[in-house]
C-alpha atoms as a PDB file:
ATOM      1  CA  MET A   1      63.803   4.082   1.267  1.00  0.00           C
ATOM      2  CA  PHE A   2      60.486   6.102   0.863  1.00  0.00           C
ATOM      3  CA  GLY A   3      58.923   5.151   4.092  1.00  0.00           C
ATOM      4  CA  ILE A   4      55.983   3.362   2.436  1.00  0.00           C
ATOM      5  CA  GLN A   5      54.372   0.566   4.496  1.00  0.00           C
ATOM      6  CA  HIS A   6      51.894  -2.062   3.448  1.00  0.00           C
ATOM      7  CA  SER A   7      48.432  -1.668   4.623  1.00  0.00           C
ATOM      8  CA  ARG A   8      47.785  -3.539   7.818  1.00  0.00           C
ATOM      9  CA  CYS A   9      45.061  -5.368   5.717  1.00  0.00           C
ATOM     10  CA  TYR A  10      47.932  -7.465   4.594  1.00  0.00           C
ATOM     11  CA  THR A  11      50.111  -7.643   7.827  1.00  0.00           C
ATOM     12  CA  GLU A  12      47.441  -7.959  10.467  1.00  0.00           C
ATOM     13  CA  TYR A  13      44.014  -8.677   9.193  1.00  0.00           C
ATOM     14  CA  GLY A  14      45.031 -11.634   6.908  1.00  0.00           C
ATOM     15  CA  LEU A  15      43.982 -10.419   3.465  1.00  0.00           C
ATOM     16  CA  LYS A  16      45.830 -12.061   0.559  1.00  0.00           C
ATOM     17  CA  ARG A  17      45.495 -10.469  -2.721  1.00  0.00           C
ATOM     18  CA  THR A  18      47.330  -8.736  -5.410  1.00  0.00           C
ATOM     19  CA  GLY A  19      45.983  -5.477  -6.978  1.00  0.00           C
ATOM     20  CA  CYS A  20      44.258  -2.636  -5.547  1.00  0.00           C
ATOM     21  CA  VAL A  21      42.747  -2.418  -2.110  1.00  0.00           C
ATOM     22  CA  GLY A  22      38.927  -3.117  -2.385  1.00  0.00           C
ATOM     23  CA  CYS A  23      39.281  -4.200  -6.111  1.00  0.00           C
ATOM     24  CA  PRO A  24      35.695  -4.858  -7.258  1.00  0.00           C
ATOM     25  CA  PHE A  25      36.848  -7.889  -9.395  1.00  0.00           C
ATOM     26  CA  SER A  26      38.178  -9.802  -6.415  1.00  0.00           C
ATOM     27  CA  LYS A  27      36.589 -13.103  -5.871  1.00  0.00           C
ATOM     28  CA  HIS A  28      36.224 -12.423  -2.253  1.00  0.00           C
ATOM     29  CA  ILE A  29      35.279  -8.636  -2.395  1.00  0.00           C
ATOM     30  CA  ASN A  30      32.458  -8.838   0.167  1.00  0.00           C
ATOM     31  CA  GLU A  31      34.715 -10.285   2.798  1.00  0.00           C
ATOM     32  CA  GLU A  32      37.497  -7.874   2.001  1.00  0.00           C
ATOM     33  CA  ILE A  33      35.335  -4.866   2.128  1.00  0.00           C
ATOM     34  CA  ALA A  34      33.953  -5.925   5.476  1.00  0.00           C
ATOM     35  CA  ILE A  35      37.483  -6.317   6.919  1.00  0.00           C
ATOM     36  CA  ILE A  36      38.523  -3.018   5.524  1.00  0.00           C
ATOM     37  CA  GLU A  37      35.377  -1.303   6.907  1.00  0.00           C
ATOM     38  CA  LYS A  38      36.009  -2.773  10.398  1.00  0.00           C
ATOM     39  CA  TYR A  39      39.685  -2.006  10.708  1.00  0.00           C
ATOM     40  CA  GLU A  40      40.454   0.913   8.354  1.00  0.00           C
ATOM     41  CA  PRO A  41      37.310   3.006   7.969  1.00  0.00           C
ATOM     42  CA  ASP A  42      39.001   5.756   6.074  1.00  0.00           C
ATOM     43  CA  LEU A  43      40.381   3.276   3.624  1.00  0.00           C
ATOM     44  CA  TYR A  44      36.934   1.733   3.230  1.00  0.00           C
ATOM     45  CA  LYS A  45      35.470   5.201   2.591  1.00  0.00           C
ATOM     46  CA  ALA A  46      38.154   5.928  -0.102  1.00  0.00           C
ATOM     47  CA  ALA A  47      37.472   2.417  -1.710  1.00  0.00           C
ATOM     48  CA  VAL A  48      33.793   2.897  -1.770  1.00  0.00           C
ATOM     49  CA  ASN A  49      34.176   6.411  -3.172  1.00  0.00           C
ATOM     50  CA  ILE A  50      36.358   5.077  -6.014  1.00  0.00           C
ATOM     51  CA  PHE A  51      34.630   1.698  -6.687  1.00  0.00           C
ATOM     52  CA  GLY A  52      31.127   2.090  -5.338  1.00  0.00           C
ATOM     53  CA  LYS A  53      29.300   1.722  -8.700  1.00  0.00           C
ATOM     54  CA  SER A  54      31.688  -1.184  -9.595  1.00  0.00           C
ATOM     55  CA  TYR A  55      30.508  -2.975  -6.446  1.00  0.00           C
ATOM     56  CA  GLU A  56      26.954  -2.590  -7.465  1.00  0.00           C
ATOM     57  CA  TYR A  57      27.610  -3.742 -11.006  1.00  0.00           C
ATOM     58  CA  THR A  58      29.697  -6.738  -9.847  1.00  0.00           C
ATOM     59  CA  ALA A  59      26.921  -7.829  -7.478  1.00  0.00           C
ATOM     60  CA  LYS A  60      24.296  -7.689 -10.204  1.00  0.00           C
ATOM     61  CA  TYR A  61      26.710  -9.532 -12.620  1.00  0.00           C
ATOM     62  CA  ARG A  62      27.216 -12.214 -10.195  1.00  0.00           C
ATOM     63  CA  ALA A  63      23.534 -12.637  -9.588  1.00  0.00           C
ATOM     64  CA  PHE A  64      22.957 -12.797 -13.286  1.00  0.00           C
ATOM     65  CA  VAL A  65      25.614 -15.524 -13.776  1.00  0.00           C
ATOM     66  CA  LYS A  66      24.174 -17.489 -10.873  1.00  0.00           C
ATOM     67  CA  GLU A  67      20.691 -17.160 -12.392  1.00  0.00           C
ATOM     68  CA  MET A  68      21.851 -18.252 -15.908  1.00  0.00           C
ATOM     69  CA  LYS A  69      23.721 -21.300 -14.403  1.00  0.00           C
ATOM     70  CA  ALA A  70      20.556 -22.399 -12.739  1.00  0.00           C
ATOM     71  CA  ARG A  71      18.604 -22.059 -15.884  1.00  0.00           C
ATOM     72  CA  GLU A  72      21.184 -23.956 -17.930  1.00  0.00           C
ATOM     73  CA  LYS A  73      21.088 -26.733 -15.192  1.00  0.00           C
ATOM     74  CA  GLU A  74      17.263 -26.876 -15.357  1.00  0.00           C
ATOM     75  CA  ASN A  75      17.357 -26.911 -19.168  1.00  0.00           C
ATOM     76  CA  LYS A  76      19.805 -29.944 -19.117  1.00  0.00           C
ATOM     77  CA  LYS A  77      17.459 -31.737 -16.728  1.00  0.00           C
ATOM     78  CA  ARG A  78      14.570 -31.146 -19.029  1.00  0.00           C
ATOM     79  CA  GLN A  79      16.585 -32.189 -22.078  1.00  0.00           C
ATOM     80  CA  ASN A  80      17.739 -35.458 -20.420  1.00  0.00           C
ATOM     81  CA  ALA A  81      14.270 -36.238 -19.293  1.00  0.00           C
ATOM     82  CA  SER A  82      12.775 -35.829 -22.761  1.00  0.00           C
ATOM     83  CA  ASP A  83      15.690 -37.934 -24.243  1.00  0.00           C
ATOM     84  CA  GLU A  84      14.826 -40.800 -21.898  1.00  0.00           C
ATOM     85  CA  GLN A  85      11.261 -40.847 -23.143  1.00  0.00           C
END
């Protein structure tokens, strides 16, 4: 009706997602951004222009979560070791 087509990211490159292109909250954002950059550089530039700071924040947040989980695991090990004594 309006001549709107899906991005080739869906139809040719195999991305499966809902939401905006390059959404910084996507579980697989790094893989998606790499594919978009390779096949649709203008779309990549637009996504980075819009979401660039969010990508940085998301990366830092995920690193923080990983660190906290490692600390929690280590604390549980210590607690179990002290409980066994």
